[in-house]
Amino acid sequence: MTANKHYEIIIFMNANIIKPRTTSLKYASGARCLRILGHPVRLCLLKMLFEREWSVNEMARELEVSQSNLSQHLTLLKDRGIIASRREGHQVFYGIVDRRVFQFLELMDELFCRDRRSDGEGDR
């Protein structure tokens, strides 16, 4: 009997995936974007791009990652439309497409990245 209940839940969940409502699609798209942003290297990249455009070589040196690893992270961000590239001679430079990403990064810093022990607030 327990196995049947588990099976029914799986069918119900699969049915939701197959026939999502409009609201579910909107949140699924947001969740995919957050998964892309949810990697420390990609967040560091965006924080760097907050300051200015960077070349691939500069970013690889600064982050101490290989160019092939960096390329994978940049491709994910570029495919999602978060960053764009431009070529100047043999170098490729990256920048943030939508300036609202900066607001998102600032809010993320404020909510999740500050040291709560040093700001006097402690645990909430």
C-alpha atoms as a PDB file:
ATOM      1  CA  MET A   1       0.000   0.000   0.000  1.00  0.00           C
ATOM      2  CA  THR A   2       2.806   2.427   0.831  1.00  0.00           C
ATOM      3  CA  ALA A   3       4.500   1.717  -2.479  1.00  0.00           C
ATOM      4  CA  ASN A   4       1.286   2.598  -4.338  1.00  0.00           C
ATOM      5  CA  LYS A   5       1.031   5.961  -2.564  1.00  0.00           C
ATOM      6  CA  HIS A   6       4.630   6.714  -3.526  1.00  0.00           C
ATOM      7  CA  TYR A   7       3.862   5.709  -7.104  1.00  0.00           C
ATOM      8  CA  GLU A   8       0.839   8.012  -7.207  1.00  0.00           C
ATOM      9  CA  ILE A   9       2.922  10.932  -5.988  1.00  0.00           C
ATOM     10  CA  ILE A  10       5.477  10.326  -8.716  1.00  0.00           C
ATOM     11  CA  ILE A  11       2.727  10.214 -11.352  1.00  0.00           C
ATOM     12  CA  PHE A  12       1.253  13.435  -9.965  1.00  0.00           C
ATOM     13  CA  MET A  13       4.643  15.161 -10.019  1.00  0.00           C
ATOM     14  CA  ASN A  14       5.317  13.960 -13.576  1.00  0.00           C
ATOM     15  CA  ALA A  15       1.890  15.176 -14.670  1.00  0.00           C
ATOM     16  CA  ASN A  16       2.796  18.639 -13.342  1.00  0.00           C
ATOM     17  CA  ILE A  17       6.031  18.600 -15.282  1.00  0.00           C
ATOM     18  CA  ILE A  18       4.306  17.520 -18.501  1.00  0.00           C
ATOM     19  CA  LYS A  19       1.449  20.042 -18.239  1.00  0.00           C
ATOM     20  CA  PRO A  20       2.771  23.031 -16.303  1.00  0.00           C
ATOM     21  CA  ARG A  21       0.604  26.055 -15.723  1.00  0.00           C
ATOM     22  CA  THR A  22       1.726  29.480 -16.909  1.00  0.00           C
ATOM     23  CA  THR A  23       2.776  30.438 -13.379  1.00  0.00           C
ATOM     24  CA  SER A  24       4.777  27.244 -13.035  1.00  0.00           C
ATOM     25  CA  LEU A  25       6.599  28.005 -16.290  1.00  0.00           C
ATOM     26  CA  LYS A  26       7.506  31.467 -15.045  1.00  0.00           C
ATOM     27  CA  TYR A  27       8.921  30.087 -11.806  1.00  0.00           C
ATOM     28  CA  ALA A  28      10.671  27.233 -13.617  1.00  0.00           C
ATOM     29  CA  SER A  29      12.449  29.791 -15.796  1.00  0.00           C
ATOM     30  CA  GLY A  30      13.474  31.775 -12.711  1.00  0.00           C
ATOM     31  CA  ALA A  31      14.685  28.608 -10.986  1.00  0.00           C
ATOM     32  CA  ARG A  32      16.846  27.710 -14.012  1.00  0.00           C
ATOM     33  CA  CYS A  33      18.402  31.163 -13.929  1.00  0.00           C
ATOM     34  CA  LEU A  34      19.087  30.915 -10.185  1.00  0.00           C
ATOM     35  CA  ARG A  35      20.747  27.522 -10.699  1.00  0.00           C
ATOM     36  CA  ILE A  36      23.022  29.128 -13.280  1.00  0.00           C
ATOM     37  CA  LEU A  37      23.837  31.963 -10.879  1.00  0.00           C
ATOM     38  CA  GLY A  38      24.243  29.538  -7.972  1.00  0.00           C
ATOM     39  CA  HIS A  39      27.922  28.769  -8.485  1.00  0.00           C
ATOM     40  CA  PRO A  40      30.695  30.620  -6.616  1.00  0.00           C
ATOM     41  CA  VAL A  41      32.846  31.119  -9.732  1.00  0.00           C
ATOM     42  CA  ARG A  42      29.928  32.552 -11.723  1.00  0.00           C
ATOM     43  CA  LEU A  43      29.006  34.884  -8.855  1.00  0.00           C
ATOM     44  CA  CYS A  44      32.636  36.049  -8.667  1.00  0.00           C
ATOM     45  CA  LEU A  45      32.581  36.650 -12.423  1.00  0.00           C
ATOM     46  CA  LEU A  46      29.479  38.806 -12.130  1.00  0.00           C
ATOM     47  CA  LYS A  47      30.952  40.756  -9.216  1.00  0.00           C
ATOM     48  CA  MET A  48      34.061  41.403 -11.312  1.00  0.00           C
ATOM     49  CA  LEU A  49      31.942  42.522 -14.259  1.00  0.00           C
ATOM     50  CA  PHE A  50      30.120  44.877 -11.902  1.00  0.00           C
ATOM     51  CA  GLU A  51      33.310  46.986 -11.900  1.00  0.00           C
ATOM     52  CA  ARG A  52      34.170  46.927 -15.617  1.00  0.00           C
ATOM     53  CA  GLU A  53      34.559  44.771 -18.707  1.00  0.00           C
ATOM     54  CA  TRP A  54      37.193  42.058 -18.386  1.00  0.00           C
ATOM     55  CA  SER A  55      39.069  40.040 -20.958  1.00  0.00           C
ATOM     56  CA  VAL A  56      39.056  36.263 -20.733  1.00  0.00           C
ATOM     57  CA  ASN A  57      42.786  36.251 -19.934  1.00  0.00           C
ATOM     58  CA  GLU A  58      42.355  38.775 -17.120  1.00  0.00           C
ATOM     59  CA  MET A  59      39.464  36.846 -15.589  1.00  0.00           C
ATOM     60  CA  ALA A  60      41.312  33.524 -15.741  1.00  0.00           C
ATOM     61  CA  ARG A  61      44.335  35.060 -13.985  1.00  0.00           C
ATOM     62  CA  GLU A  62      42.240  36.852 -11.366  1.00  0.00           C
ATOM     63  CA  LEU A  63      40.117  33.800 -10.522  1.00  0.00           C
ATOM     64  CA  GLU A  64      43.030  31.366 -10.859  1.00  0.00           C
ATOM     65  CA  VAL A  65      41.029  29.011 -13.097  1.00  0.00           C
ATOM     66  CA  SER A  66      41.896  27.504 -16.451  1.00  0.00           C
ATOM     67  CA  GLN A  67      40.590  29.201 -19.573  1.00  0.00           C
ATOM     68  CA  SER A  68      38.621  26.077 -20.482  1.00  0.00           C
ATOM     69  CA  ASN A  69      36.884  26.053 -17.079  1.00  0.00           C
ATOM     70  CA  LEU A  70      36.227  29.786 -17.322  1.00  0.00           C
ATOM     71  CA  SER A  71      34.850  29.338 -20.827  1.00  0.00           C
ATOM     72  CA  GLN A  72      32.245  26.868 -19.551  1.00  0.00           C
ATOM     73  CA  HIS A  73      31.061  29.359 -16.904  1.00  0.00           C
ATOM     74  CA  LEU A  74      30.995  32.236 -19.382  1.00  0.00           C
ATOM     75  CA  THR A  75      29.019  30.172 -21.897  1.00  0.00           C
ATOM     76  CA  LEU A  76      26.294  29.419 -19.333  1.00  0.00           C
ATOM     77  CA  LEU A  77      25.972  33.087 -18.420  1.00  0.00           C
ATOM     78  CA  LYS A  78      26.063  34.202 -22.051  1.00  0.00           C
ATOM     79  CA  ASP A  79      23.490  31.631 -23.194  1.00  0.00           C
ATOM     80  CA  ARG A  80      21.112  32.897 -20.508  1.00  0.00           C
ATOM     81  CA  GLY A  81      21.577  36.473 -21.764  1.00  0.00           C
ATOM     82  CA  ILE A  82      23.193  37.711 -18.561  1.00  0.00           C
ATOM     83  CA  ILE A  83      26.515  38.681 -20.155  1.00  0.00           C
ATOM     84  CA  ALA A  84      27.685  39.536 -23.669  1.00  0.00           C
ATOM     85  CA  SER A  85      31.051  39.445 -25.368  1.00  0.00           C
ATOM     86  CA  ARG A  86      32.850  41.666 -27.813  1.00  0.00           C
ATOM     87  CA  ARG A  87      36.047  40.999 -29.714  1.00  0.00           C
ATOM     88  CA  GLU A  88      38.900  43.477 -29.843  1.00  0.00           C
ATOM     89  CA  GLY A  89      41.754  42.092 -31.923  1.00  0.00           C
ATOM     90  CA  HIS A  90      42.621  38.699 -30.491  1.00  0.00           C
ATOM     91  CA  GLN A  91      41.025  39.389 -27.114  1.00  0.00           C
ATOM     92  CA  VAL A  92      37.431  38.773 -26.066  1.00  0.00           C
ATOM     93  CA  PHE A  93      35.901  41.071 -23.454  1.00  0.00           C
ATOM     94  CA  TYR A  94      32.794  40.348 -21.396  1.00  0.00           C
ATOM     95  CA  GLY A  95      30.286  42.668 -19.780  1.00  0.00           C
ATOM     96  CA  ILE A  96      26.881  42.480 -18.150  1.00  0.00           C
ATOM     97  CA  VAL A  97      23.932  42.994 -20.514  1.00  0.00           C
ATOM     98  CA  ASP A  98      21.206  44.153 -18.125  1.00  0.00           C
ATOM     99  CA  ARG A  99      22.268  46.661 -15.470  1.00  0.00           C
ATOM    100  CA  ARG A 100      19.559  45.286 -13.134  1.00  0.00           C
ATOM    101  CA  VAL A 101      21.877  42.335 -12.491  1.00  0.00           C
ATOM    102  CA  PHE A 102      23.865  44.769 -10.334  1.00  0.00           C
ATOM    103  CA  GLN A 103      20.810  45.331  -8.143  1.00  0.00           C
ATOM    104  CA  PHE A 104      20.383  41.578  -7.800  1.00  0.00           C
ATOM    105  CA  LEU A 105      24.051  41.162  -6.790  1.00  0.00           C
ATOM    106  CA  GLU A 106      23.838  43.960  -4.235  1.00  0.00           C
ATOM    107  CA  LEU A 107      20.698  42.454  -2.702  1.00  0.00           C
ATOM    108  CA  MET A 108      22.304  39.007  -2.627  1.00  0.00           C
ATOM    109  CA  ASP A 109      25.349  40.477  -0.858  1.00  0.00           C
ATOM    110  CA  GLU A 110      23.174  42.274   1.655  1.00  0.00           C
ATOM    111  CA  LEU A 111      20.986  39.269   2.415  1.00  0.00           C
ATOM    112  CA  PHE A 112      23.384  36.353   2.251  1.00  0.00           C
ATOM    113  CA  CYS A 113      27.052  37.358   2.090  1.00  0.00           C
ATOM    114  CA  ARG A 114      27.701  39.698   4.968  1.00  0.00           C
ATOM    115  CA  ASP A 115      29.199  38.525   8.220  1.00  0.00           C
ATOM    116  CA  ARG A 116      26.265  38.510  10.636  1.00  0.00           C
ATOM    117  CA  ARG A 117      28.559  38.202  13.651  1.00  0.00           C
ATOM    118  CA  SER A 118      30.217  41.534  12.933  1.00  0.00           C
ATOM    119  CA  ASP A 119      27.081  43.561  12.198  1.00  0.00           C
ATOM    120  CA  GLY A 120      25.541  43.101  15.650  1.00  0.00           C
ATOM    121  CA  GLU A 121      22.412  41.413  14.373  1.00  0.00           C
ATOM    122  CA  GLY A 122      23.332  37.803  15.138  1.00  0.00           C
ATOM    123  CA  ASP A 123      20.834  35.098  14.216  1.00  0.00           C
ATOM    124  CA  ARG A 124      17.338  36.155  13.420  1.00  0.00           C
END
